[in-house]
């Protein structure tokens, strides 16, 4: 994930949130290795939003599918996801809003995590931003 791509996705996510009338969002963009490339917070975004957004993206990368699938699996296997939370040092947030980012050929570039509104709205803002960058958004849906 190149810096300019990450910044473009982050800015577009915040713009989409504003256009939708969302609560103030925070967006984290990670590269394929799970390293933070960009983090932007809208004015008024609350205290833990950077950690939650990063955890959504990190969880998607860690298991290889988007937050929507993580949420489904967490419901079916809560003990396993509690163990994953412990193993990850609490850095995994298995809910919608964590979106894998792929190039047009399907190569994994990284992930976006968004927090601030409902998980469905967070995810929709991320998807719109990834698609606006000409990339594929994988929500696990």
Foldseek 3Di string as FASTA:
>chain_A
DDLVLQVQLQVQLQVLCVVVVFFWKWKFWAFLVLHTRDIDTDPPADDCRVLQFSQQQSQCSVVVAALCQLVVVCVVCVVVVVVVCVVVVNSHDRHAQKKFKAAPVRHTTGIMGMDGGPSVSNNVSSQVSSVVSVIHIGRND
